[in-house]
Amino acid sequence: MSSKGLFGAGRGHLDEAGMGYGAHFKRAARVGTRMLAAGGACLVHGIFPGIFTATATNTIVKLNEELKKGHKPGKQEPALLEFEI
């Protein structure tokens, strides 16, 4: 993909999300950081099953709720898989 195509796709995504670059970066960084922390807790939980028993699941559910609030009406929302780690 050319850099022009990459930037064009990025601009289209920002327009679709109704966000500027800074707001989008802040939100993506916040979501990504929370996902990394939950992933780390999940790995620790795999070794020590008695700790972080609901951290990953709670994080996923909360992030799903927050991300659904940010979708524009009428836009297809991704489904949340029903499971517990």
N, C-alpha and C. Protein backbone atom coordinates (compact mmCIF):
# COMPACT_ATOMS: atom_id res chain seq x y z
N MET A 1 0.86 -1.18 0.00
CA MET A 1 0.00 0.00 0.00
C MET A 1 0.90 1.23 0.00
N SER A 2 0.58 2.18 -0.80
CA SER A 2 1.36 3.40 -0.85
C SER A 2 1.07 4.25 0.39
N SER A 3 1.99 5.16 0.68
CA SER A 3 1.77 6.02 1.86
C SER A 3 0.54 6.89 1.68
N LYS A 4 0.27 7.28 0.43
CA LYS A 4 -0.93 8.08 0.17
C LYS A 4 -2.18 7.27 0.49
N GLY A 5 -2.18 6.00 0.09
CA GLY A 5 -3.31 5.12 0.38
C GLY A 5 -3.47 4.89 1.87
N LEU A 6 -2.36 4.73 2.57
CA LEU A 6 -2.39 4.52 4.02
C LEU A 6 -2.96 5.74 4.72
N PHE A 7 -2.51 6.92 4.34
CA PHE A 7 -3.01 8.14 4.96
C PHE A 7 -4.47 8.39 4.59
N GLY A 8 -4.83 8.06 3.36
CA GLY A 8 -6.21 8.22 2.94
C GLY A 8 -7.14 7.32 3.74
N ALA A 9 -6.72 6.07 3.96
CA ALA A 9 -7.51 5.14 4.76
C ALA A 9 -7.60 5.63 6.20
N GLY A 10 -6.52 6.16 6.72
CA GLY A 10 -6.52 6.70 8.09
C GLY A 10 -7.44 7.89 8.21
N ARG A 11 -7.42 8.77 7.25
CA ARG A 11 -8.29 9.94 7.27
C ARG A 11 -9.74 9.50 7.21
N GLY A 12 -10.02 8.50 6.37
CA GLY A 12 -11.38 7.98 6.26
C GLY A 12 -11.85 7.39 7.59
N HIS A 13 -10.98 6.68 8.26
CA HIS A 13 -11.33 6.09 9.56
C HIS A 13 -11.59 7.18 10.59
N LEU A 14 -10.76 8.20 10.62
CA LEU A 14 -10.96 9.31 11.56
C LEU A 14 -12.27 10.03 11.29
N ASP A 15 -12.57 10.26 10.02
CA ASP A 15 -13.84 10.91 9.66
C ASP A 15 -15.03 10.05 10.07
N GLU A 16 -14.92 8.75 9.81
CA GLU A 16 -15.99 7.81 10.17
C GLU A 16 -16.20 7.78 11.69
N ALA A 17 -15.11 7.86 12.44
CA ALA A 17 -15.18 7.83 13.91
C ALA A 17 -15.58 9.19 14.47
N GLY A 18 -15.52 10.23 13.63
CA GLY A 18 -15.85 11.57 14.09
C GLY A 18 -14.83 12.12 15.08
N MET A 19 -13.57 11.78 14.87
CA MET A 19 -12.50 12.20 15.79
C MET A 19 -11.34 12.80 15.01
N GLY A 20 -10.62 13.68 15.68
CA GLY A 20 -9.38 14.18 15.15
C GLY A 20 -8.27 13.20 15.51
N TYR A 21 -7.08 13.43 14.94
CA TYR A 21 -5.96 12.52 15.18
C TYR A 21 -5.62 12.42 16.68
N GLY A 22 -5.54 13.56 17.35
CA GLY A 22 -5.15 13.57 18.76
C GLY A 22 -6.13 12.81 19.64
N ALA A 23 -7.43 13.05 19.43
CA ALA A 23 -8.45 12.36 20.22
C ALA A 23 -8.43 10.87 19.93
N HIS A 24 -8.25 10.52 18.67
CA HIS A 24 -8.20 9.11 18.29
C HIS A 24 -6.98 8.44 18.92
N PHE A 25 -5.83 9.09 18.86
CA PHE A 25 -4.62 8.52 19.45
C PHE A 25 -4.79 8.32 20.95
N LYS A 26 -5.36 9.32 21.61
CA LYS A 26 -5.56 9.23 23.06
C LYS A 26 -6.47 8.05 23.41
N ARG A 27 -7.55 7.91 22.67
CA ARG A 27 -8.49 6.82 22.94
C ARG A 27 -7.84 5.46 22.63
N ALA A 28 -7.16 5.36 21.50
CA ALA A 28 -6.51 4.10 21.12
C ALA A 28 -5.42 3.72 22.13
N ALA A 29 -4.66 4.71 22.59
CA ALA A 29 -3.61 4.45 23.58
C ALA A 29 -4.21 3.98 24.90
N ARG A 30 -5.32 4.59 25.29
CA ARG A 30 -5.98 4.21 26.55
C ARG A 30 -6.52 2.79 26.46
N VAL A 31 -7.20 2.47 25.36
CA VAL A 31 -7.75 1.13 25.18
C VAL A 31 -6.61 0.11 25.10
N GLY A 32 -5.60 0.40 24.32
CA GLY A 32 -4.47 -0.51 24.17
C GLY A 32 -3.74 -0.77 25.47
N THR A 33 -3.55 0.28 26.26
CA THR A 33 -2.87 0.13 27.55
C THR A 33 -3.69 -0.77 28.49
N ARG A 34 -4.98 -0.55 28.50
CA ARG A 34 -5.86 -1.38 29.35
C ARG A 34 -5.85 -2.83 28.88
N MET A 35 -5.82 -3.05 27.57
CA MET A 35 -5.77 -4.41 27.05
C MET A 35 -4.45 -5.09 27.41
N LEU A 36 -3.36 -4.36 27.32
CA LEU A 36 -2.06 -4.93 27.69
C LEU A 36 -2.02 -5.30 29.17
N ALA A 37 -2.54 -4.41 30.02
CA ALA A 37 -2.57 -4.69 31.46
C ALA A 37 -3.44 -5.92 31.75
N ALA A 38 -4.59 -6.01 31.10
CA ALA A 38 -5.46 -7.17 31.30
C ALA A 38 -4.80 -8.44 30.79
N GLY A 39 -4.08 -8.33 29.69
CA GLY A 39 -3.36 -9.49 29.16
C GLY A 39 -2.28 -9.95 30.11
N GLY A 40 -1.57 -9.00 30.71
CA GLY A 40 -0.55 -9.36 31.70
C GLY A 40 -1.18 -10.04 32.91
N ALA A 41 -2.31 -9.51 33.37
CA ALA A 41 -3.03 -10.12 34.50
C ALA A 41 -3.48 -11.53 34.14
N CYS A 42 -3.90 -11.71 32.91
CA CYS A 42 -4.35 -13.02 32.44
C CYS A 42 -3.19 -14.03 32.44
N LEU A 43 -2.02 -13.59 32.01
CA LEU A 43 -0.85 -14.47 32.01
C LEU A 43 -0.46 -14.86 33.44
N VAL A 44 -0.48 -13.88 34.34
CA VAL A 44 -0.17 -14.16 35.74
C VAL A 44 -1.23 -15.11 36.32
N HIS A 45 -2.48 -14.88 35.97
CA HIS A 45 -3.57 -15.75 36.43
C HIS A 45 -3.36 -17.19 35.96
N GLY A 46 -2.84 -17.35 34.75
CA GLY A 46 -2.57 -18.70 34.24
C GLY A 46 -1.57 -19.45 35.10
N ILE A 47 -0.62 -18.74 35.67
CA ILE A 47 0.40 -19.36 36.53
C ILE A 47 -0.11 -19.51 37.95
N PHE A 48 -0.79 -18.47 38.44
CA PHE A 48 -1.33 -18.45 39.80
C PHE A 48 -2.85 -18.27 39.72
N PRO A 49 -3.60 -19.37 39.57
CA PRO A 49 -5.05 -19.29 39.34
C PRO A 49 -5.86 -18.56 40.42
N GLY A 50 -5.31 -18.39 41.58
CA GLY A 50 -6.07 -17.74 42.65
C GLY A 50 -6.08 -16.22 42.59
N ILE A 51 -5.27 -15.63 41.71
CA ILE A 51 -5.22 -14.17 41.63
C ILE A 51 -5.67 -13.70 40.25
N PHE A 52 -6.12 -12.46 40.20
CA PHE A 52 -6.63 -11.84 38.96
C PHE A 52 -7.71 -12.73 38.33
N THR A 53 -8.60 -13.27 39.15
CA THR A 53 -9.59 -14.23 38.66
C THR A 53 -10.62 -13.63 37.70
N ALA A 54 -10.85 -12.34 37.76
CA ALA A 54 -11.85 -11.73 36.88
C ALA A 54 -11.33 -10.49 36.16
N THR A 55 -10.06 -10.19 36.29
CA THR A 55 -9.49 -8.96 35.73
C THR A 55 -9.66 -8.87 34.22
N ALA A 56 -9.26 -9.90 33.49
CA ALA A 56 -9.35 -9.86 32.03
C ALA A 56 -10.81 -9.77 31.58
N THR A 57 -11.65 -10.61 32.17
CA THR A 57 -13.07 -10.60 31.79
C THR A 57 -13.71 -9.25 32.07
N ASN A 58 -13.48 -8.70 33.25
CA ASN A 58 -14.06 -7.40 33.60
C ASN A 58 -13.56 -6.31 32.66
N THR A 59 -12.28 -6.35 32.32
CA THR A 59 -11.71 -5.34 31.43
C THR A 59 -12.35 -5.43 30.05
N ILE A 60 -12.50 -6.65 29.53
CA ILE A 60 -13.11 -6.83 28.21
C ILE A 60 -14.54 -6.31 28.20
N VAL A 61 -15.31 -6.66 29.22
CA VAL A 61 -16.71 -6.22 29.29
C VAL A 61 -16.79 -4.69 29.36
N LYS A 62 -15.97 -4.07 30.22
CA LYS A 62 -15.99 -2.61 30.35
C LYS A 62 -15.57 -1.92 29.06
N LEU A 63 -14.51 -2.44 28.43
CA LEU A 63 -14.07 -1.84 27.17
C LEU A 63 -15.14 -1.99 26.09
N ASN A 64 -15.78 -3.14 26.03
CA ASN A 64 -16.85 -3.34 25.06
C ASN A 64 -17.96 -2.31 25.26
N GLU A 65 -18.36 -2.09 26.52
CA GLU A 65 -19.41 -1.11 26.81
C GLU A 65 -18.98 0.29 26.37
N GLU A 66 -17.74 0.66 26.69
CA GLU A 66 -17.24 1.99 26.32
C GLU A 66 -17.15 2.15 24.80
N LEU A 67 -16.67 1.13 24.11
CA LEU A 67 -16.51 1.23 22.66
C LEU A 67 -17.86 1.27 21.96
N LYS A 68 -18.84 0.54 22.47
CA LYS A 68 -20.18 0.58 21.88
C LYS A 68 -20.78 1.97 22.01
N LYS A 69 -20.51 2.68 23.09
CA LYS A 69 -21.02 4.05 23.27
C LYS A 69 -20.45 4.98 22.20
N GLY A 70 -19.26 4.70 21.72
CA GLY A 70 -18.61 5.56 20.75
C GLY A 70 -19.03 5.32 19.32
N HIS A 71 -19.80 4.26 19.06
CA HIS A 71 -20.24 3.99 17.69
C HIS A 71 -21.41 4.88 17.31
N LYS A 72 -21.40 5.29 16.06
CA LYS A 72 -22.50 6.11 15.55
C LYS A 72 -23.75 5.26 15.38
N PRO A 73 -24.93 5.84 15.58
CA PRO A 73 -26.18 5.10 15.40
C PRO A 73 -26.28 4.50 14.00
N GLY A 74 -26.79 3.27 13.93
CA GLY A 74 -26.97 2.61 12.65
C GLY A 74 -25.74 1.91 12.14
N LYS A 75 -24.62 2.10 12.79
CA LYS A 75 -23.39 1.46 12.37
C LYS A 75 -23.32 0.06 12.96
N GLN A 76 -22.86 -0.89 12.18
CA GLN A 76 -22.75 -2.28 12.64
C GLN A 76 -21.73 -2.36 13.78
N GLU A 77 -22.16 -2.90 14.91
CA GLU A 77 -21.28 -3.06 16.05
C GLU A 77 -20.73 -4.47 16.07
N PRO A 78 -19.44 -4.63 16.40
CA PRO A 78 -18.90 -5.98 16.50
C PRO A 78 -19.53 -6.71 17.68
N ALA A 79 -19.74 -8.00 17.52
CA ALA A 79 -20.34 -8.80 18.58
C ALA A 79 -19.32 -9.08 19.67
N LEU A 80 -19.78 -9.13 20.91
CA LEU A 80 -18.94 -9.52 22.02
C LEU A 80 -19.12 -11.00 22.24
N LEU A 81 -18.04 -11.72 22.24
CA LEU A 81 -18.12 -13.16 22.49
C LEU A 81 -18.45 -13.39 23.95
N GLU A 82 -19.31 -14.33 24.21
CA GLU A 82 -19.70 -14.66 25.58
C GLU A 82 -18.77 -15.74 26.12
N PHE A 83 -17.87 -15.38 27.00
CA PHE A 83 -16.97 -16.34 27.62
C PHE A 83 -16.38 -15.71 28.86
N GLU A 84 -15.75 -16.53 29.65
CA GLU A 84 -15.05 -16.03 30.83
C GLU A 84 -13.70 -16.70 30.90
N ILE A 85 -12.69 -15.91 31.20
CA ILE A 85 -11.33 -16.44 31.29
C ILE A 85 -11.06 -16.84 32.72
